[in-house]
Amino acid sequence: MDINESNEEAAGASSLNDAGDKHTYEVLGHDTFNCAELEFIEGLHPSLAQRVKQHLKRWYPVQTATLPHLIAATNACTVLPPRDLVISAPTGSGKTLCYVIPILNALRSQTSGSLFALVVAPVQNLVDQIEKVLLFSVK
């Protein structure tokens, strides 16, 4: 967890709490981060990183908390993908990119033409939003 000079938790910091096999990532504060911090996401494919830099100006706290862990997990998996992940955050807080970027990053090393990921959304406007995010990422 990041602590600032006044001994307070820094806004947007993430913390990891281990409880057996369960991991909880907590995002603190509501500040956004400069997209230049993209380089800290080790394992992100260079062409995908470049694409993100072209389209994003800032990272949201939920993205800085989850993306490094999900990118590492997708790069490390050989047979089974990372386990379930639940993100609870307000509308417009960047949740879609939290799963789209790791999926696209993992697809870069995929050789098979089989089904790789299935995204299920409960309403059409959310499907439209996910499609827009995917299209900017793969063009």
N, C-alpha and C. Protein backbone atom coordinates (compact mmCIF):
# COMPACT_ATOMS: atom_id res chain seq x y z
N MET A 1 0.85 -1.17 0.00
CA MET A 1 0.00 0.00 0.00
C MET A 1 0.89 1.23 0.00
N ASP A 2 0.51 2.23 -0.77
CA ASP A 2 1.28 3.46 -0.83
C ASP A 2 0.87 4.39 0.30
N ILE A 3 1.86 4.98 0.93
CA ILE A 3 1.62 5.93 2.01
C ILE A 3 2.29 7.24 1.61
N ASN A 4 1.59 8.35 1.75
CA ASN A 4 2.20 9.63 1.41
C ASN A 4 2.98 10.18 2.61
N GLU A 5 3.59 11.37 2.46
CA GLU A 5 4.45 11.92 3.51
C GLU A 5 3.71 12.16 4.82
N SER A 6 2.43 12.43 4.78
CA SER A 6 1.69 12.69 6.01
C SER A 6 1.16 11.41 6.64
N ASN A 7 1.72 10.27 6.23
CA ASN A 7 1.39 8.96 6.80
C ASN A 7 -0.06 8.55 6.54
N GLU A 8 -0.63 9.01 5.44
CA GLU A 8 -1.98 8.62 5.04
C GLU A 8 -1.88 7.73 3.82
N GLU A 9 -2.92 6.94 3.61
CA GLU A 9 -2.94 6.12 2.40
C GLU A 9 -3.08 7.03 1.19
N ALA A 10 -2.26 6.80 0.20
CA ALA A 10 -2.31 7.62 -1.01
C ALA A 10 -3.54 7.28 -1.83
N ALA A 11 -4.17 8.28 -2.40
CA ALA A 11 -5.36 8.06 -3.22
C ALA A 11 -5.02 7.16 -4.39
N GLY A 12 -5.88 6.19 -4.65
CA GLY A 12 -5.67 5.31 -5.78
C GLY A 12 -4.73 4.16 -5.50
N ALA A 13 -4.21 4.07 -4.30
CA ALA A 13 -3.30 2.97 -3.97
C ALA A 13 -4.08 1.67 -3.89
N SER A 14 -3.41 0.58 -4.11
CA SER A 14 -4.07 -0.71 -3.99
C SER A 14 -3.43 -1.49 -2.87
N SER A 15 -4.23 -2.29 -2.22
CA SER A 15 -3.68 -3.15 -1.18
C SER A 15 -4.13 -4.57 -1.43
N LEU A 16 -3.33 -5.51 -1.02
CA LEU A 16 -3.64 -6.92 -1.21
C LEU A 16 -3.77 -7.57 0.15
N ASN A 17 -4.91 -8.15 0.42
CA ASN A 17 -5.13 -8.85 1.67
C ASN A 17 -5.30 -10.33 1.36
N ASP A 18 -4.46 -11.18 1.95
CA ASP A 18 -4.57 -12.61 1.73
C ASP A 18 -5.42 -13.24 2.83
N ALA A 19 -6.38 -14.04 2.42
CA ALA A 19 -7.21 -14.79 3.36
C ALA A 19 -7.37 -16.18 2.75
N GLY A 20 -6.42 -17.06 3.02
CA GLY A 20 -6.44 -18.38 2.38
C GLY A 20 -6.17 -18.22 0.91
N ASP A 21 -7.10 -18.72 0.08
CA ASP A 21 -6.94 -18.63 -1.36
C ASP A 21 -7.60 -17.38 -1.94
N LYS A 22 -8.22 -16.58 -1.10
CA LYS A 22 -8.94 -15.41 -1.59
C LYS A 22 -8.03 -14.19 -1.56
N HIS A 23 -8.15 -13.35 -2.57
CA HIS A 23 -7.39 -12.10 -2.64
C HIS A 23 -8.38 -10.95 -2.78
N THR A 24 -8.19 -9.92 -2.00
CA THR A 24 -9.02 -8.74 -2.09
C THR A 24 -8.15 -7.55 -2.44
N TYR A 25 -8.50 -6.84 -3.50
CA TYR A 25 -7.78 -5.64 -3.92
C TYR A 25 -8.68 -4.46 -3.62
N GLU A 26 -8.18 -3.54 -2.83
CA GLU A 26 -8.97 -2.39 -2.43
C GLU A 26 -8.39 -1.14 -3.06
N VAL A 27 -9.25 -0.35 -3.70
CA VAL A 27 -8.80 0.89 -4.33
C VAL A 27 -9.21 2.04 -3.42
N LEU A 28 -8.25 2.87 -3.08
CA LEU A 28 -8.49 3.98 -2.17
C LEU A 28 -8.47 5.30 -2.93
N GLY A 29 -9.40 6.18 -2.63
CA GLY A 29 -9.42 7.50 -3.25
C GLY A 29 -10.07 7.48 -4.62
N HIS A 30 -10.12 8.63 -5.24
CA HIS A 30 -10.78 8.75 -6.53
C HIS A 30 -9.92 9.45 -7.57
N ASP A 31 -8.64 9.62 -7.31
CA ASP A 31 -7.76 10.29 -8.26
C ASP A 31 -7.51 9.40 -9.47
N THR A 32 -7.21 10.02 -10.60
CA THR A 32 -6.83 9.26 -11.78
C THR A 32 -5.32 9.38 -11.96
N PHE A 33 -4.75 8.55 -12.79
CA PHE A 33 -3.32 8.51 -12.97
C PHE A 33 -2.98 8.77 -14.42
N ASN A 34 -1.85 9.36 -14.66
CA ASN A 34 -1.38 9.66 -16.00
C ASN A 34 -1.11 8.37 -16.74
N CYS A 35 -1.51 8.30 -18.00
CA CYS A 35 -1.33 7.09 -18.79
C CYS A 35 0.13 6.74 -19.00
N ALA A 36 1.03 7.66 -18.76
CA ALA A 36 2.45 7.37 -18.88
C ALA A 36 2.86 6.26 -17.92
N GLU A 37 2.08 6.04 -16.86
CA GLU A 37 2.38 4.99 -15.91
C GLU A 37 2.09 3.60 -16.48
N LEU A 38 1.67 3.52 -17.73
CA LEU A 38 1.39 2.24 -18.37
C LEU A 38 2.59 1.31 -18.34
N GLU A 39 3.81 1.87 -18.43
CA GLU A 39 5.00 1.04 -18.45
C GLU A 39 5.14 0.17 -17.20
N PHE A 40 4.52 0.57 -16.09
CA PHE A 40 4.67 -0.23 -14.88
C PHE A 40 3.90 -1.55 -14.98
N ILE A 41 3.04 -1.70 -15.96
CA ILE A 41 2.31 -2.96 -16.12
C ILE A 41 3.20 -3.92 -16.88
N GLU A 42 3.97 -4.64 -16.14
CA GLU A 42 4.92 -5.58 -16.72
C GLU A 42 4.17 -6.69 -17.46
N GLY A 43 4.65 -7.03 -18.65
CA GLY A 43 4.05 -8.11 -19.42
C GLY A 43 3.02 -7.66 -20.43
N LEU A 44 2.69 -6.37 -20.47
CA LEU A 44 1.74 -5.87 -21.45
C LEU A 44 2.42 -5.81 -22.81
N HIS A 45 1.78 -6.40 -23.81
CA HIS A 45 2.35 -6.44 -25.16
C HIS A 45 2.60 -5.01 -25.66
N PRO A 46 3.77 -4.74 -26.25
CA PRO A 46 4.10 -3.37 -26.68
C PRO A 46 3.08 -2.74 -27.64
N SER A 47 2.55 -3.51 -28.58
CA SER A 47 1.58 -2.92 -29.51
C SER A 47 0.27 -2.57 -28.81
N LEU A 48 -0.12 -3.37 -27.83
CA LEU A 48 -1.33 -3.06 -27.06
C LEU A 48 -1.08 -1.85 -26.17
N ALA A 49 0.10 -1.76 -25.58
CA ALA A 49 0.45 -0.60 -24.75
C ALA A 49 0.40 0.67 -25.59
N GLN A 50 0.91 0.61 -26.79
CA GLN A 50 0.90 1.77 -27.69
C GLN A 50 -0.53 2.17 -28.04
N ARG A 51 -1.36 1.18 -28.29
CA ARG A 51 -2.77 1.43 -28.64
C ARG A 51 -3.49 2.12 -27.48
N VAL A 52 -3.24 1.65 -26.27
CA VAL A 52 -3.87 2.24 -25.09
C VAL A 52 -3.40 3.68 -24.93
N LYS A 53 -2.12 3.93 -25.10
CA LYS A 53 -1.59 5.30 -24.97
C LYS A 53 -2.22 6.25 -25.98
N GLN A 54 -2.56 5.74 -27.16
CA GLN A 54 -3.17 6.58 -28.19
C GLN A 54 -4.59 6.99 -27.82
N HIS A 55 -5.27 6.17 -27.03
CA HIS A 55 -6.69 6.40 -26.77
C HIS A 55 -7.03 6.83 -25.35
N LEU A 56 -6.12 6.64 -24.42
CA LEU A 56 -6.41 6.99 -23.03
C LEU A 56 -5.49 8.09 -22.56
N LYS A 57 -6.04 8.96 -21.73
CA LYS A 57 -5.22 10.02 -21.14
C LYS A 57 -4.88 9.70 -19.69
N ARG A 58 -5.72 8.95 -19.03
CA ARG A 58 -5.52 8.67 -17.61
C ARG A 58 -5.98 7.25 -17.26
N TRP A 59 -5.35 6.69 -16.24
CA TRP A 59 -5.80 5.44 -15.65
C TRP A 59 -6.75 5.76 -14.51
N TYR A 60 -7.76 4.96 -14.34
CA TYR A 60 -8.62 5.08 -13.16
C TYR A 60 -8.04 4.20 -12.06
N PRO A 61 -8.35 4.50 -10.79
CA PRO A 61 -7.80 3.70 -9.69
C PRO A 61 -8.09 2.21 -9.80
N VAL A 62 -9.30 1.85 -10.24
CA VAL A 62 -9.63 0.42 -10.36
C VAL A 62 -8.71 -0.27 -11.37
N GLN A 63 -8.30 0.45 -12.40
CA GLN A 63 -7.40 -0.12 -13.41
C GLN A 63 -5.98 -0.29 -12.86
N THR A 64 -5.50 0.70 -12.12
CA THR A 64 -4.15 0.58 -11.57
C THR A 64 -4.08 -0.51 -10.50
N ALA A 65 -5.20 -0.78 -9.85
CA ALA A 65 -5.23 -1.82 -8.82
C ALA A 65 -5.31 -3.22 -9.41
N THR A 66 -6.02 -3.39 -10.52
CA THR A 66 -6.26 -4.74 -11.03
C THR A 66 -5.41 -5.14 -12.22
N LEU A 67 -5.12 -4.22 -13.13
CA LEU A 67 -4.42 -4.59 -14.37
C LEU A 67 -3.06 -5.26 -14.16
N PRO A 68 -2.19 -4.77 -13.29
CA PRO A 68 -0.91 -5.47 -13.12
C PRO A 68 -1.08 -6.93 -12.71
N HIS A 69 -2.04 -7.19 -11.84
CA HIS A 69 -2.27 -8.56 -11.36
C HIS A 69 -2.87 -9.43 -12.46
N LEU A 70 -3.82 -8.89 -13.22
CA LEU A 70 -4.46 -9.67 -14.27
C LEU A 70 -3.53 -9.92 -15.45
N ILE A 71 -2.72 -8.93 -15.81
CA ILE A 71 -1.75 -9.13 -16.90
C ILE A 71 -0.75 -10.21 -16.51
N ALA A 72 -0.26 -10.14 -15.28
CA ALA A 72 0.69 -11.16 -14.81
C ALA A 72 0.04 -12.54 -14.79
N ALA A 73 -1.21 -12.61 -14.36
CA ALA A 73 -1.90 -13.90 -14.30
C ALA A 73 -2.14 -14.47 -15.68
N THR A 74 -2.52 -13.64 -16.65
CA THR A 74 -2.77 -14.16 -17.99
C THR A 74 -1.47 -14.55 -18.68
N ASN A 75 -0.38 -13.86 -18.39
CA ASN A 75 0.91 -14.22 -18.97
C ASN A 75 1.46 -15.51 -18.37
N ALA A 76 1.13 -15.77 -17.11
CA ALA A 76 1.68 -16.93 -16.42
C ALA A 76 0.87 -18.20 -16.67
N CYS A 77 -0.39 -18.07 -17.08
CA CYS A 77 -1.22 -19.27 -17.19
C CYS A 77 -0.86 -20.06 -18.45
N THR A 78 -0.80 -21.35 -18.28
CA THR A 78 -0.49 -22.22 -19.41
C THR A 78 -1.71 -22.99 -19.87
N VAL A 79 -2.53 -23.45 -18.93
CA VAL A 79 -3.70 -24.24 -19.29
C VAL A 79 -4.98 -23.55 -18.84
N LEU A 80 -5.05 -23.20 -17.57
CA LEU A 80 -6.26 -22.62 -17.02
C LEU A 80 -6.12 -21.11 -16.88
N PRO A 81 -7.16 -20.37 -17.26
CA PRO A 81 -7.10 -18.91 -17.13
C PRO A 81 -7.20 -18.49 -15.66
N PRO A 82 -6.97 -17.21 -15.37
CA PRO A 82 -7.13 -16.73 -13.99
C PRO A 82 -8.54 -17.00 -13.49
N ARG A 83 -8.66 -17.12 -12.19
CA ARG A 83 -9.95 -17.42 -11.57
C ARG A 83 -10.88 -16.22 -11.63
N ASP A 84 -12.08 -16.38 -11.06
CA ASP A 84 -13.09 -15.34 -11.05
C ASP A 84 -12.58 -14.08 -10.36
N LEU A 85 -13.08 -12.95 -10.83
CA LEU A 85 -12.74 -11.66 -10.26
C LEU A 85 -14.01 -10.82 -10.24
N VAL A 86 -14.28 -10.19 -9.11
CA VAL A 86 -15.44 -9.32 -8.98
C VAL A 86 -14.94 -7.90 -8.73
N ILE A 87 -15.41 -6.96 -9.53
CA ILE A 87 -15.05 -5.56 -9.34
C ILE A 87 -16.35 -4.79 -9.11
N SER A 88 -16.43 -4.10 -8.00
CA SER A 88 -17.58 -3.28 -7.70
C SER A 88 -17.12 -1.83 -7.72
N ALA A 89 -17.58 -1.08 -8.70
CA ALA A 89 -17.18 0.32 -8.85
C ALA A 89 -18.29 1.05 -9.59
N PRO A 90 -18.35 2.36 -9.43
CA PRO A 90 -19.42 3.14 -10.08
C PRO A 90 -19.34 3.09 -11.60
N THR A 91 -20.45 3.43 -12.24
CA THR A 91 -20.50 3.54 -13.69
C THR A 91 -19.46 4.56 -14.15
N GLY A 92 -18.74 4.22 -15.22
CA GLY A 92 -17.75 5.14 -15.76
C GLY A 92 -16.42 5.13 -15.05
N SER A 93 -16.16 4.11 -14.23
CA SER A 93 -14.92 4.08 -13.45
C SER A 93 -13.83 3.23 -14.09
N GLY A 94 -14.07 2.68 -15.27
CA GLY A 94 -13.02 1.96 -15.99
C GLY A 94 -13.01 0.45 -15.84
N LYS A 95 -14.12 -0.13 -15.40
CA LYS A 95 -14.16 -1.58 -15.19
C LYS A 95 -13.99 -2.38 -16.48
N THR A 96 -14.57 -1.90 -17.57
CA THR A 96 -14.52 -2.66 -18.83
C THR A 96 -13.08 -2.93 -19.25
N LEU A 97 -12.23 -1.93 -19.20
CA LEU A 97 -10.83 -2.14 -19.59
C LEU A 97 -10.10 -3.08 -18.64
N CYS A 98 -10.62 -3.25 -17.43
CA CYS A 98 -9.98 -4.16 -16.47
C CYS A 98 -10.01 -5.61 -16.95
N TYR A 99 -10.99 -5.97 -17.77
CA TYR A 99 -10.98 -7.33 -18.32
C TYR A 99 -10.65 -7.36 -19.81
N VAL A 100 -10.96 -6.29 -20.54
CA VAL A 100 -10.67 -6.28 -21.98
C VAL A 100 -9.16 -6.29 -22.24
N ILE A 101 -8.39 -5.47 -21.54
CA ILE A 101 -6.94 -5.42 -21.77
C ILE A 101 -6.28 -6.77 -21.49
N PRO A 102 -6.55 -7.44 -20.36
CA PRO A 102 -5.94 -8.76 -20.17
C PRO A 102 -6.36 -9.79 -21.22
N ILE A 103 -7.62 -9.75 -21.66
CA ILE A 103 -8.07 -10.69 -22.70
C ILE A 103 -7.29 -10.44 -23.98
N LEU A 104 -7.21 -9.18 -24.41
CA LEU A 104 -6.49 -8.87 -25.65
C LEU A 104 -5.01 -9.18 -25.53
N ASN A 105 -4.43 -8.92 -24.36
CA ASN A 105 -3.02 -9.22 -24.15
C ASN A 105 -2.76 -10.72 -24.26
N ALA A 106 -3.63 -11.52 -23.69
CA ALA A 106 -3.49 -12.97 -23.75
C ALA A 106 -3.74 -13.50 -25.17
N LEU A 107 -4.63 -12.86 -25.91
CA LEU A 107 -4.91 -13.28 -27.29
C LEU A 107 -3.70 -13.12 -28.20
N ARG A 108 -2.80 -12.21 -27.87
CA ARG A 108 -1.61 -11.97 -28.70
C ARG A 108 -0.74 -13.23 -28.80
N SER A 109 -0.77 -14.06 -27.77
CA SER A 109 0.06 -15.27 -27.79
C SER A 109 -0.75 -16.51 -28.15
N GLN A 110 -2.02 -16.34 -28.45
CA GLN A 110 -2.90 -17.46 -28.79
C GLN A 110 -2.68 -17.89 -30.23
N THR A 111 -2.49 -19.18 -30.46
CA THR A 111 -2.29 -19.68 -31.82
C THR A 111 -3.53 -20.39 -32.36
N SER A 112 -4.36 -20.88 -31.49
CA SER A 112 -5.54 -21.63 -31.88
C SER A 112 -6.65 -20.68 -32.34
N GLY A 113 -7.48 -21.15 -33.24
CA GLY A 113 -8.61 -20.36 -33.72
C GLY A 113 -9.88 -20.66 -32.94
N SER A 114 -9.77 -21.24 -31.77
CA SER A 114 -10.94 -21.62 -30.99
C SER A 114 -11.42 -20.46 -30.10
N LEU A 115 -12.59 -20.66 -29.49
CA LEU A 115 -13.15 -19.67 -28.58
C LEU A 115 -12.18 -19.43 -27.44
N PHE A 116 -11.88 -18.18 -27.17
CA PHE A 116 -10.91 -17.85 -26.14
C PHE A 116 -11.56 -17.15 -24.95
N ALA A 117 -12.49 -16.26 -25.22
CA ALA A 117 -13.14 -15.50 -24.15
C ALA A 117 -14.60 -15.28 -24.51
N LEU A 118 -15.42 -15.27 -23.51
CA LEU A 118 -16.84 -15.02 -23.69
C LEU A 118 -17.24 -13.93 -22.71
N VAL A 119 -17.75 -12.83 -23.22
CA VAL A 119 -18.19 -11.72 -22.37
C VAL A 119 -19.70 -11.69 -22.43
N VAL A 120 -20.34 -11.76 -21.28
CA VAL A 120 -21.80 -11.75 -21.18
C VAL A 120 -22.21 -10.45 -20.49
N ALA A 121 -23.14 -9.73 -21.10
CA ALA A 121 -23.62 -8.48 -20.53
C ALA A 121 -25.14 -8.52 -20.43
N PRO A 122 -25.71 -7.94 -19.37
CA PRO A 122 -27.15 -8.06 -19.15
C PRO A 122 -28.03 -7.14 -19.99
N VAL A 123 -27.48 -6.06 -20.53
CA VAL A 123 -28.31 -5.12 -21.29
C VAL A 123 -27.58 -4.68 -22.56
N GLN A 124 -28.36 -4.29 -23.57
CA GLN A 124 -27.80 -3.94 -24.88
C GLN A 124 -26.84 -2.75 -24.83
N ASN A 125 -27.16 -1.72 -24.03
CA ASN A 125 -26.26 -0.56 -24.01
C ASN A 125 -24.89 -0.92 -23.43
N LEU A 126 -24.84 -1.88 -22.54
CA LEU A 126 -23.55 -2.35 -22.02
C LEU A 126 -22.81 -3.16 -23.09
N VAL A 127 -23.53 -3.94 -23.87
CA VAL A 127 -22.94 -4.67 -24.99
C VAL A 127 -22.32 -3.68 -25.98
N ASP A 128 -23.04 -2.60 -26.27
CA ASP A 128 -22.53 -1.58 -27.20
C ASP A 128 -21.26 -0.93 -26.67
N GLN A 129 -21.23 -0.63 -25.37
CA GLN A 129 -20.05 -0.03 -24.76
C GLN A 129 -18.85 -0.98 -24.83
N ILE A 130 -19.07 -2.24 -24.52
CA ILE A 130 -17.99 -3.23 -24.57
C ILE A 130 -17.47 -3.37 -25.99
N GLU A 131 -18.37 -3.37 -26.96
CA GLU A 131 -17.96 -3.45 -28.36
C GLU A 131 -17.07 -2.27 -28.75
N LYS A 132 -17.43 -1.06 -28.32
CA LYS A 132 -16.62 0.12 -28.62
C LYS A 132 -15.23 0.01 -28.02
N VAL A 133 -15.15 -0.47 -26.79
CA VAL A 133 -13.85 -0.62 -26.12
C VAL A 133 -13.02 -1.67 -26.85
N LEU A 134 -13.63 -2.77 -27.22
CA LEU A 134 -12.91 -3.81 -27.96
C LEU A 134 -12.43 -3.31 -29.31
N LEU A 135 -13.27 -2.58 -30.02
CA LEU A 135 -12.89 -2.09 -31.35
C LEU A 135 -11.73 -1.11 -31.30
N PHE A 136 -11.70 -0.21 -30.31
CA PHE A 136 -10.57 0.72 -30.24
C PHE A 136 -9.30 -0.04 -29.93
N SER A 137 -9.43 -1.13 -29.20
CA SER A 137 -8.25 -1.89 -28.77
C SER A 137 -7.64 -2.74 -29.87
N VAL A 138 -8.44 -3.19 -30.83
CA VAL A 138 -7.92 -4.12 -31.83
C VAL A 138 -7.69 -3.50 -33.20
N LYS A 139 -8.17 -2.31 -33.44
CA LYS A 139 -7.99 -1.68 -34.76
C LYS A 139 -6.54 -1.41 -35.03
